[in-house]
Amino acid sequence: MTDYIWGGLAVVTIAVLVWLVAYATRAGRNAQSVETSQTVATDAEIVAGVQANMAKAQAEGPQSKEQLLDRLDAGTG
């Protein structure tokens, strides 16, 4: 009878360990997915900002050297 108890305890222990490994793996994948999503969002914001600046520069057209230096001094260039 004690052999059945020890055998059952061993099966339960192994099942718990397998569950813990599966849970930890899933948690790691979720964390990696969140980190990747945040990185992609940051990259998209940077690209959008660059595109907005390019569109602004194209809309304003050519400018003289003095106008460019004034914009750079003002911090808007």
N, C-alpha and C. Protein backbone atom coordinates (compact mmCIF):
# COMPACT_ATOMS: atom_id res chain seq x y z
N MET A 1 0.82 -1.20 0.00
CA MET A 1 0.00 0.00 0.00
C MET A 1 0.86 1.26 0.00
N THR A 2 1.93 1.28 0.75
CA THR A 2 2.79 2.46 0.77
C THR A 2 3.47 2.67 -0.58
N ASP A 3 3.65 1.59 -1.34
CA ASP A 3 4.22 1.74 -2.68
C ASP A 3 3.30 2.56 -3.57
N TYR A 4 2.00 2.36 -3.42
CA TYR A 4 1.04 3.14 -4.22
C TYR A 4 1.05 4.61 -3.81
N ILE A 5 1.21 4.86 -2.54
CA ILE A 5 1.26 6.25 -2.06
C ILE A 5 2.50 6.94 -2.60
N TRP A 6 3.65 6.28 -2.49
CA TRP A 6 4.89 6.87 -3.00
C TRP A 6 4.83 7.03 -4.52
N GLY A 7 4.27 6.08 -5.21
CA GLY A 7 4.12 6.18 -6.66
C GLY A 7 3.22 7.33 -7.05
N GLY A 8 2.10 7.48 -6.35
CA GLY A 8 1.19 8.60 -6.60
C GLY A 8 1.84 9.93 -6.32
N LEU A 9 2.60 10.00 -5.23
CA LEU A 9 3.31 11.23 -4.89
C LEU A 9 4.34 11.58 -5.96
N ALA A 10 5.02 10.57 -6.48
CA ALA A 10 6.01 10.80 -7.55
C ALA A 10 5.32 11.31 -8.81
N VAL A 11 4.17 10.74 -9.15
CA VAL A 11 3.44 11.18 -10.35
C VAL A 11 2.96 12.62 -10.18
N VAL A 12 2.44 12.95 -9.01
CA VAL A 12 1.98 14.33 -8.75
C VAL A 12 3.15 15.30 -8.81
N THR A 13 4.28 14.93 -8.23
CA THR A 13 5.46 15.80 -8.25
C THR A 13 5.94 16.04 -9.67
N ILE A 14 5.99 15.02 -10.48
CA ILE A 14 6.41 15.18 -11.87
C ILE A 14 5.42 16.05 -12.63
N ALA A 15 4.14 15.86 -12.39
CA ALA A 15 3.12 16.68 -13.07
C ALA A 15 3.27 18.15 -12.70
N VAL A 16 3.53 18.42 -11.43
CA VAL A 16 3.71 19.81 -10.99
C VAL A 16 4.95 20.42 -11.64
N LEU A 17 6.03 19.67 -11.71
CA LEU A 17 7.24 20.19 -12.35
C LEU A 17 7.03 20.48 -13.83
N VAL A 18 6.32 19.59 -14.51
CA VAL A 18 6.02 19.82 -15.94
C VAL A 18 5.16 21.07 -16.10
N TRP A 19 4.18 21.23 -15.23
CA TRP A 19 3.32 22.42 -15.29
C TRP A 19 4.14 23.69 -15.06
N LEU A 20 5.07 23.67 -14.09
CA LEU A 20 5.89 24.85 -13.81
C LEU A 20 6.76 25.22 -15.01
N VAL A 21 7.34 24.23 -15.66
CA VAL A 21 8.17 24.50 -16.84
C VAL A 21 7.31 25.11 -17.95
N ALA A 22 6.12 24.56 -18.17
CA ALA A 22 5.23 25.09 -19.21
C ALA A 22 4.81 26.52 -18.88
N TYR A 23 4.49 26.78 -17.62
CA TYR A 23 4.08 28.12 -17.20
C TYR A 23 5.22 29.12 -17.38
N ALA A 24 6.42 28.75 -16.98
CA ALA A 24 7.57 29.65 -17.11
C ALA A 24 7.88 29.94 -18.57
N THR A 25 7.75 28.93 -19.42
CA THR A 25 8.00 29.12 -20.85
C THR A 25 6.99 30.09 -21.43
N ARG A 26 5.73 29.92 -21.08
CA ARG A 26 4.68 30.80 -21.60
C ARG A 26 4.89 32.24 -21.10
N ALA A 27 5.26 32.40 -19.83
CA ALA A 27 5.50 33.73 -19.28
C ALA A 27 6.67 34.41 -19.99
N GLY A 28 7.71 33.65 -20.29
CA GLY A 28 8.86 34.22 -21.00
C GLY A 28 8.50 34.65 -22.41
N ARG A 29 7.69 33.86 -23.08
CA ARG A 29 7.28 34.23 -24.44
C ARG A 29 6.40 35.47 -24.42
N ASN A 30 5.51 35.57 -23.44
CA ASN A 30 4.66 36.74 -23.33
C ASN A 30 5.48 38.00 -23.08
N ALA A 31 6.46 37.90 -22.19
CA ALA A 31 7.32 39.05 -21.90
C ALA A 31 8.10 39.47 -23.14
N GLN A 32 8.59 38.51 -23.89
CA GLN A 32 9.33 38.82 -25.11
C GLN A 32 8.41 39.48 -26.13
N SER A 33 7.19 39.02 -26.23
CA SER A 33 6.23 39.59 -27.17
C SER A 33 5.92 41.04 -26.82
N VAL A 34 5.75 41.33 -25.54
CA VAL A 34 5.48 42.70 -25.10
C VAL A 34 6.67 43.59 -25.42
N GLU A 35 7.87 43.12 -25.15
CA GLU A 35 9.07 43.91 -25.42
C GLU A 35 9.21 44.20 -26.92
N THR A 36 8.94 43.20 -27.74
CA THR A 36 9.02 43.38 -29.19
C THR A 36 7.98 44.39 -29.66
N SER A 37 6.78 44.32 -29.12
CA SER A 37 5.73 45.26 -29.51
C SER A 37 6.11 46.69 -29.14
N GLN A 38 6.69 46.87 -27.97
CA GLN A 38 7.11 48.21 -27.55
C GLN A 38 8.22 48.74 -28.44
N THR A 39 9.15 47.89 -28.82
CA THR A 39 10.24 48.30 -29.71
C THR A 39 9.70 48.70 -31.08
N VAL A 40 8.76 47.92 -31.59
CA VAL A 40 8.16 48.23 -32.89
C VAL A 40 7.41 49.55 -32.83
N ALA A 41 6.69 49.79 -31.74
CA ALA A 41 5.95 51.04 -31.60
C ALA A 41 6.90 52.24 -31.55
N THR A 42 8.00 52.10 -30.83
CA THR A 42 8.99 53.18 -30.75
C THR A 42 9.60 53.44 -32.12
N ASP A 43 9.94 52.39 -32.84
CA ASP A 43 10.50 52.54 -34.18
C ASP A 43 9.50 53.22 -35.11
N ALA A 44 8.24 52.87 -35.00
CA ALA A 44 7.21 53.47 -35.85
C ALA A 44 7.06 54.96 -35.55
N GLU A 45 7.15 55.33 -34.28
CA GLU A 45 7.06 56.75 -33.92
C GLU A 45 8.24 57.53 -34.50
N ILE A 46 9.43 56.93 -34.47
CA ILE A 46 10.61 57.59 -35.02
C ILE A 46 10.46 57.78 -36.52
N VAL A 47 10.01 56.73 -37.21
CA VAL A 47 9.83 56.82 -38.66
C VAL A 47 8.78 57.86 -39.00
N ALA A 48 7.70 57.89 -38.24
CA ALA A 48 6.64 58.88 -38.50
C ALA A 48 7.16 60.30 -38.32
N GLY A 49 7.99 60.50 -37.30
CA GLY A 49 8.57 61.83 -37.07
C GLY A 49 9.49 62.24 -38.21
N VAL A 50 10.30 61.32 -38.67
CA VAL A 50 11.21 61.61 -39.79
C VAL A 50 10.41 61.94 -41.04
N GLN A 51 9.36 61.15 -41.30
CA GLN A 51 8.54 61.41 -42.48
C GLN A 51 7.84 62.76 -42.39
N ALA A 52 7.40 63.12 -41.20
CA ALA A 52 6.76 64.43 -41.02
C ALA A 52 7.75 65.56 -41.29
N ASN A 53 8.97 65.39 -40.79
CA ASN A 53 10.00 66.41 -41.03
C ASN A 53 10.35 66.50 -42.51
N MET A 54 10.40 65.36 -43.20
CA MET A 54 10.69 65.37 -44.63
C MET A 54 9.57 66.05 -45.41
N ALA A 55 8.34 65.77 -45.03
CA ALA A 55 7.20 66.39 -45.70
C ALA A 55 7.20 67.90 -45.47
N LYS A 56 7.52 68.31 -44.26
CA LYS A 56 7.59 69.75 -43.94
C LYS A 56 8.68 70.43 -44.77
N ALA A 57 9.84 69.77 -44.86
CA ALA A 57 10.93 70.36 -45.63
C ALA A 57 10.56 70.45 -47.11
N GLN A 58 9.89 69.44 -47.61
CA GLN A 58 9.50 69.46 -49.01
C GLN A 58 8.43 70.53 -49.26
N ALA A 59 7.53 70.71 -48.32
CA ALA A 59 6.47 71.70 -48.49
C ALA A 59 7.01 73.11 -48.42
N GLU A 60 8.02 73.33 -47.61
CA GLU A 60 8.58 74.68 -47.47
C GLU A 60 9.48 75.04 -48.64
N GLY A 61 9.92 74.06 -49.38
CA GLY A 61 10.72 74.32 -50.57
C GLY A 61 12.13 74.77 -50.27
N PRO A 62 12.85 75.13 -51.33
CA PRO A 62 14.24 75.58 -51.16
C PRO A 62 14.29 76.85 -50.32
N GLN A 63 15.38 77.02 -49.62
CA GLN A 63 15.54 78.20 -48.80
C GLN A 63 16.99 78.68 -48.91
N SER A 64 17.17 79.93 -48.54
CA SER A 64 18.51 80.49 -48.60
C SER A 64 19.31 80.01 -47.39
N LYS A 65 20.61 80.23 -47.48
CA LYS A 65 21.49 79.84 -46.39
C LYS A 65 21.13 80.58 -45.10
N GLU A 66 20.78 81.83 -45.23
CA GLU A 66 20.42 82.63 -44.06
C GLU A 66 19.14 82.10 -43.40
N GLN A 67 18.16 81.72 -44.23
CA GLN A 67 16.92 81.18 -43.67
C GLN A 67 17.19 79.86 -42.94
N LEU A 68 18.03 79.04 -43.53
CA LEU A 68 18.37 77.78 -42.90
C LEU A 68 19.07 78.00 -41.57
N LEU A 69 20.04 78.89 -41.54
CA LEU A 69 20.76 79.18 -40.29
C LEU A 69 19.83 79.76 -39.24
N ASP A 70 18.89 80.63 -39.65
CA ASP A 70 17.91 81.18 -38.70
C ASP A 70 17.06 80.07 -38.09
N ARG A 71 16.61 79.12 -38.95
CA ARG A 71 15.78 78.01 -38.45
C ARG A 71 16.59 77.14 -37.50
N LEU A 72 17.84 76.88 -37.83
CA LEU A 72 18.67 76.05 -36.95
C LEU A 72 18.94 76.75 -35.63
N ASP A 73 19.18 78.05 -35.67
CA ASP A 73 19.39 78.81 -34.44
C ASP A 73 18.14 78.82 -33.58
N ALA A 74 16.96 78.86 -34.22
CA ALA A 74 15.70 78.87 -33.49
C ALA A 74 15.35 77.48 -32.94
N GLY A 75 16.03 76.48 -33.44
CA GLY A 75 15.76 75.11 -32.97
C GLY A 75 14.58 74.46 -33.67
N THR A 76 14.12 75.01 -34.78
CA THR A 76 12.99 74.42 -35.49
C THR A 76 13.42 73.71 -36.76
N GLY A 77 14.70 73.66 -37.02
CA GLY A 77 15.19 73.03 -38.24
C GLY A 77 15.64 71.68 -37.97
